[in-house]
N, C-alpha and C. Protein backbone atom coordinates (compact mmCIF):
# COMPACT_ATOMS: atom_id res chain seq x y z
N MET A 1 361.83 190.62 80.03
CA MET A 1 362.33 190.05 78.99
C MET A 1 361.95 188.20 79.35
N ASN A 2 361.24 187.19 78.71
CA ASN A 2 361.36 186.19 79.08
C ASN A 2 361.49 185.16 77.92
N LYS A 3 361.83 184.13 77.98
CA LYS A 3 361.83 183.49 76.50
C LYS A 3 360.78 182.14 76.46
N TYR A 4 360.49 182.08 75.47
CA TYR A 4 359.25 181.10 75.33
C TYR A 4 359.50 180.16 74.77
N ILE A 5 358.77 178.72 74.62
CA ILE A 5 358.28 178.03 73.51
C ILE A 5 357.15 177.95 73.25
N LEU A 6 357.25 177.48 71.48
CA LEU A 6 355.60 177.63 71.30
C LEU A 6 355.80 176.41 70.37
N THR A 7 354.43 175.49 70.35
CA THR A 7 354.58 174.07 68.97
C THR A 7 353.20 174.49 68.70
N LEU A 8 352.64 174.89 67.63
CA LEU A 8 351.59 174.67 66.86
C LEU A 8 351.34 173.07 66.00
N ILE A 9 350.41 172.74 66.02
CA ILE A 9 349.67 171.52 65.08
C ILE A 9 348.54 172.26 64.52
N LEU A 10 348.94 172.35 62.94
CA LEU A 10 348.32 172.73 62.67
C LEU A 10 347.25 172.24 61.50
N LYS A 11 346.39 172.05 61.18
CA LYS A 11 345.46 171.15 59.87
C LYS A 11 346.57 170.82 59.43
N PRO A 12 346.49 169.78 58.54
CA PRO A 12 347.35 168.87 57.62
C PRO A 12 346.64 169.55 56.13
N ASP A 13 345.32 169.75 55.74
CA ASP A 13 345.11 170.31 54.46
C ASP A 13 345.20 171.41 54.37
N LEU A 14 345.83 172.30 54.95
CA LEU A 14 345.80 173.80 55.10
C LEU A 14 346.95 174.32 54.05
N GLU A 15 346.42 175.44 52.90
CA GLU A 15 347.07 175.58 52.04
C GLU A 15 348.46 176.22 52.23
N GLU A 16 349.51 175.70 51.56
CA GLU A 16 350.76 176.62 52.42
C GLU A 16 350.93 178.27 52.16
N LYS A 17 349.94 178.94 51.43
CA LYS A 17 350.18 180.29 51.69
C LYS A 17 349.09 180.83 53.36
N ALA A 18 348.24 180.19 53.76
CA ALA A 18 347.32 180.27 54.20
C ALA A 18 348.41 179.84 55.66
N ARG A 19 349.30 178.90 55.70
CA ARG A 19 349.92 178.55 56.62
C ARG A 19 351.14 179.63 56.71
N LYS A 20 351.33 180.11 55.81
CA LYS A 20 352.62 181.01 56.20
C LYS A 20 352.13 182.84 56.17
N GLU A 21 350.99 182.87 56.56
CA GLU A 21 349.70 183.92 56.74
C GLU A 21 349.81 183.65 58.39
N LEU A 22 349.24 182.58 58.57
CA LEU A 22 348.93 182.52 60.35
C LEU A 22 350.35 182.49 60.96
N VAL A 23 351.18 181.66 60.27
CA VAL A 23 352.99 181.96 60.80
C VAL A 23 353.43 183.15 60.97
N GLU A 24 352.98 184.31 60.05
CA GLU A 24 353.61 185.72 60.13
C GLU A 24 352.21 186.38 61.00
N LYS A 25 351.35 186.09 61.24
CA LYS A 25 350.32 187.00 62.22
C LYS A 25 350.87 186.13 63.50
N VAL A 26 351.01 185.45 64.15
CA VAL A 26 351.88 185.09 65.32
C VAL A 26 353.12 185.23 65.88
N THR A 27 353.95 185.16 64.84
CA THR A 27 355.37 185.95 64.80
C THR A 27 355.31 187.15 65.40
N LYS A 28 354.49 188.06 64.50
CA LYS A 28 354.57 189.59 64.60
C LYS A 28 354.64 189.81 65.95
N GLN A 29 353.87 188.91 66.77
CA GLN A 29 354.07 190.17 68.29
C GLN A 29 355.11 189.19 69.09
N PHE A 30 356.23 188.42 68.71
CA PHE A 30 357.37 188.36 69.50
C PHE A 30 358.27 189.70 69.32
N LYS A 31 358.85 189.70 70.43
CA LYS A 31 359.89 190.41 70.44
C LYS A 31 361.33 190.40 69.69
N SER A 32 361.35 189.19 69.59
CA SER A 32 362.91 188.42 68.66
C SER A 32 362.47 187.18 68.45
N LEU A 33 362.84 186.22 67.44
CA LEU A 33 362.29 185.05 67.25
C LEU A 33 363.85 184.24 67.53
N GLU A 34 364.13 183.33 67.71
CA GLU A 34 365.32 182.68 68.07
C GLU A 34 365.48 181.68 66.73
N LYS A 35 364.29 180.90 66.79
CA LYS A 35 364.51 179.50 66.21
C LYS A 35 362.98 178.95 65.74
N THR A 36 363.33 178.80 64.55
CA THR A 36 361.45 178.03 63.75
C THR A 36 361.77 176.86 63.17
N ASP A 37 361.22 175.76 63.67
CA ASP A 37 361.40 174.46 63.05
C ASP A 37 360.09 174.04 62.25
N GLU A 38 360.23 174.03 60.91
CA GLU A 38 358.56 173.18 60.84
C GLU A 38 359.04 171.28 60.60
N TRP A 39 358.14 170.79 61.43
CA TRP A 39 358.17 169.64 61.23
C TRP A 39 357.52 169.04 60.31
N GLY A 40 356.46 169.44 59.78
CA GLY A 40 356.13 168.89 58.54
C GLY A 40 355.04 168.56 59.10
N ASN A 41 354.56 167.35 58.24
CA ASN A 41 353.14 166.33 58.65
C ASN A 41 353.44 165.88 59.74
N LYS A 42 352.93 165.49 60.57
CA LYS A 42 352.81 163.86 61.16
C LYS A 42 351.65 163.68 62.01
N ASP A 43 351.48 161.83 61.85
CA ASP A 43 350.52 161.27 62.69
C ASP A 43 349.95 161.53 63.79
N LEU A 44 348.81 161.76 64.46
CA LEU A 44 348.66 162.06 65.78
C LEU A 44 348.11 160.81 66.24
N ASN A 45 348.71 160.93 68.02
CA ASN A 45 348.61 159.64 68.70
C ASN A 45 346.68 159.15 68.78
N TYR A 46 346.13 160.39 68.79
CA TYR A 46 344.77 160.61 68.89
C TYR A 46 343.92 161.54 67.96
N PRO A 47 342.56 161.18 67.60
CA PRO A 47 342.12 162.14 66.53
C PRO A 47 341.95 163.54 67.24
N ILE A 48 342.02 164.70 66.76
CA ILE A 48 341.90 166.22 67.79
C ILE A 48 341.02 166.48 66.20
N LYS A 49 340.03 166.95 67.09
CA LYS A 49 338.96 167.78 65.96
C LYS A 49 338.81 166.87 64.63
N LYS A 50 338.67 165.69 64.52
CA LYS A 50 338.40 164.72 63.51
C LYS A 50 339.42 164.65 62.65
N GLN A 51 340.90 164.86 62.90
CA GLN A 51 341.84 165.22 62.17
C GLN A 51 342.99 163.98 62.62
N THR A 52 343.75 163.05 62.30
CA THR A 52 344.64 162.40 62.29
C THR A 52 346.15 162.71 62.09
N LYS A 53 346.34 163.83 61.09
CA LYS A 53 347.21 164.27 61.26
C LYS A 53 347.43 165.53 60.98
N GLY A 54 348.41 166.49 61.46
CA GLY A 54 348.77 167.31 61.77
C GLY A 54 350.10 168.04 61.46
N PHE A 55 350.14 169.69 61.29
CA PHE A 55 351.69 170.00 60.19
C PHE A 55 352.16 170.61 61.56
N TYR A 56 353.16 170.19 62.27
CA TYR A 56 353.57 170.90 63.50
C TYR A 56 354.98 172.27 62.94
N ILE A 57 354.80 173.08 63.69
CA ILE A 57 355.90 174.05 63.51
C ILE A 57 355.99 174.82 65.16
N HIS A 58 357.26 174.89 65.15
CA HIS A 58 358.26 174.98 66.85
C HIS A 58 358.84 176.42 66.62
N PHE A 59 358.93 176.58 67.79
CA PHE A 59 359.11 178.31 67.74
C PHE A 59 359.85 178.48 69.31
N GLU A 60 360.91 179.04 68.72
CA GLU A 60 361.56 179.52 70.46
C GLU A 60 362.02 181.33 70.10
N PHE A 61 361.08 181.98 71.14
CA PHE A 61 361.21 183.35 70.95
C PHE A 61 361.42 184.02 72.52
N GLU A 62 361.65 185.52 72.06
CA GLU A 62 362.10 186.06 73.62
C GLU A 62 360.25 186.95 73.49
N ALA A 63 359.57 187.19 74.68
CA ALA A 63 358.46 188.08 74.37
C ALA A 63 358.27 188.66 76.10
N GLU A 64 357.54 189.62 75.95
CA GLU A 64 357.04 190.58 77.33
C GLU A 64 355.96 189.65 77.94
N PRO A 65 356.37 189.15 79.23
CA PRO A 65 355.24 188.76 80.02
C PRO A 65 353.31 189.24 79.37
N GLY A 66 353.42 190.36 78.85
CA GLY A 66 352.29 191.02 78.72
C GLY A 66 351.51 190.29 77.71
N VAL A 67 352.31 190.20 76.50
CA VAL A 67 351.84 189.74 75.34
C VAL A 67 351.45 188.50 75.38
N ILE A 68 352.00 187.63 75.84
CA ILE A 68 352.08 186.15 76.05
C ILE A 68 350.13 186.28 75.97
N SER A 69 349.67 186.79 77.07
CA SER A 69 348.02 186.03 77.13
C SER A 69 347.45 186.94 76.12
N GLY A 70 348.13 187.56 75.00
CA GLY A 70 347.22 187.92 73.65
C GLY A 70 347.53 186.65 72.80
N ILE A 71 348.73 186.44 72.60
CA ILE A 71 349.06 185.17 72.14
C ILE A 71 347.80 183.84 72.34
N ASP A 72 348.24 183.94 73.52
CA ASP A 72 346.85 182.03 74.01
C ASP A 72 345.74 182.78 73.30
N ARG A 73 344.89 184.10 73.69
CA ARG A 73 343.79 183.82 73.24
C ARG A 73 343.80 184.12 71.85
N ASN A 74 344.56 184.61 70.74
CA ASN A 74 344.69 184.36 69.65
C ASN A 74 344.41 182.99 69.00
N LEU A 75 345.32 182.30 69.47
CA LEU A 75 345.49 180.85 69.27
C LEU A 75 344.50 179.96 69.87
N LYS A 76 343.72 180.77 70.48
CA LYS A 76 342.18 179.65 71.34
C LYS A 76 341.00 179.73 70.03
N LEU A 77 341.46 181.09 69.56
CA LEU A 77 340.16 181.13 68.87
C LEU A 77 340.65 181.50 67.45
N GLU A 78 341.69 180.98 66.79
CA GLU A 78 341.63 180.32 65.44
C GLU A 78 341.50 178.85 64.94
N GLU A 79 340.73 178.75 63.89
CA GLU A 79 340.19 177.80 63.32
C GLU A 79 341.10 176.80 62.98
N ASP A 80 342.39 177.15 62.60
CA ASP A 80 343.20 176.08 62.04
C ASP A 80 344.42 175.10 62.83
N VAL A 81 344.12 176.37 63.68
CA VAL A 81 345.00 175.46 64.83
C VAL A 81 344.20 174.73 65.60
N LEU A 82 345.08 172.71 65.54
CA LEU A 82 344.21 172.05 66.27
C LEU A 82 345.01 172.15 67.86
N ARG A 83 345.84 171.92 68.02
CA ARG A 83 346.79 172.42 69.56
C ARG A 83 347.78 173.14 69.55
N TYR A 84 348.13 173.40 70.73
CA TYR A 84 349.48 174.14 70.75
C TYR A 84 349.89 174.08 72.15
N LEU A 85 351.19 174.41 72.37
CA LEU A 85 351.51 174.37 73.65
C LEU A 85 352.56 175.84 73.55
N LEU A 86 352.32 176.57 74.65
CA LEU A 86 353.41 177.61 75.20
C LEU A 86 353.87 177.35 76.29
N ILE A 87 355.43 177.19 76.39
CA ILE A 87 355.92 177.29 78.52
C ILE A 87 356.96 178.39 77.93
N ARG A 88 357.07 178.34 79.12
CA ARG A 88 358.33 179.74 79.42
C ARG A 88 359.40 178.77 79.44
N ARG A 89 360.46 178.76 79.15
CA ARG A 89 361.81 178.44 79.37
C ARG A 89 362.60 178.83 80.71
């Protein structure tokens, strides 16, 4: 079991219900969730997918190494995720 950090930048105009569903879909794959921080809408340093703002969410969790490739694949396919950073602690 390894510890990971995941930071998501979501589209700023995403409705709260859709954002919660997306976060729930991502966190279901974690073995144990240690910490969740919603940083809210922040300005981006440069446009990403024609967006100048993004909604930031930060997670610290534990998961099996084999699950991480699935999380990575799902985040790449998700349209509402502008950018993400997934690292092992």
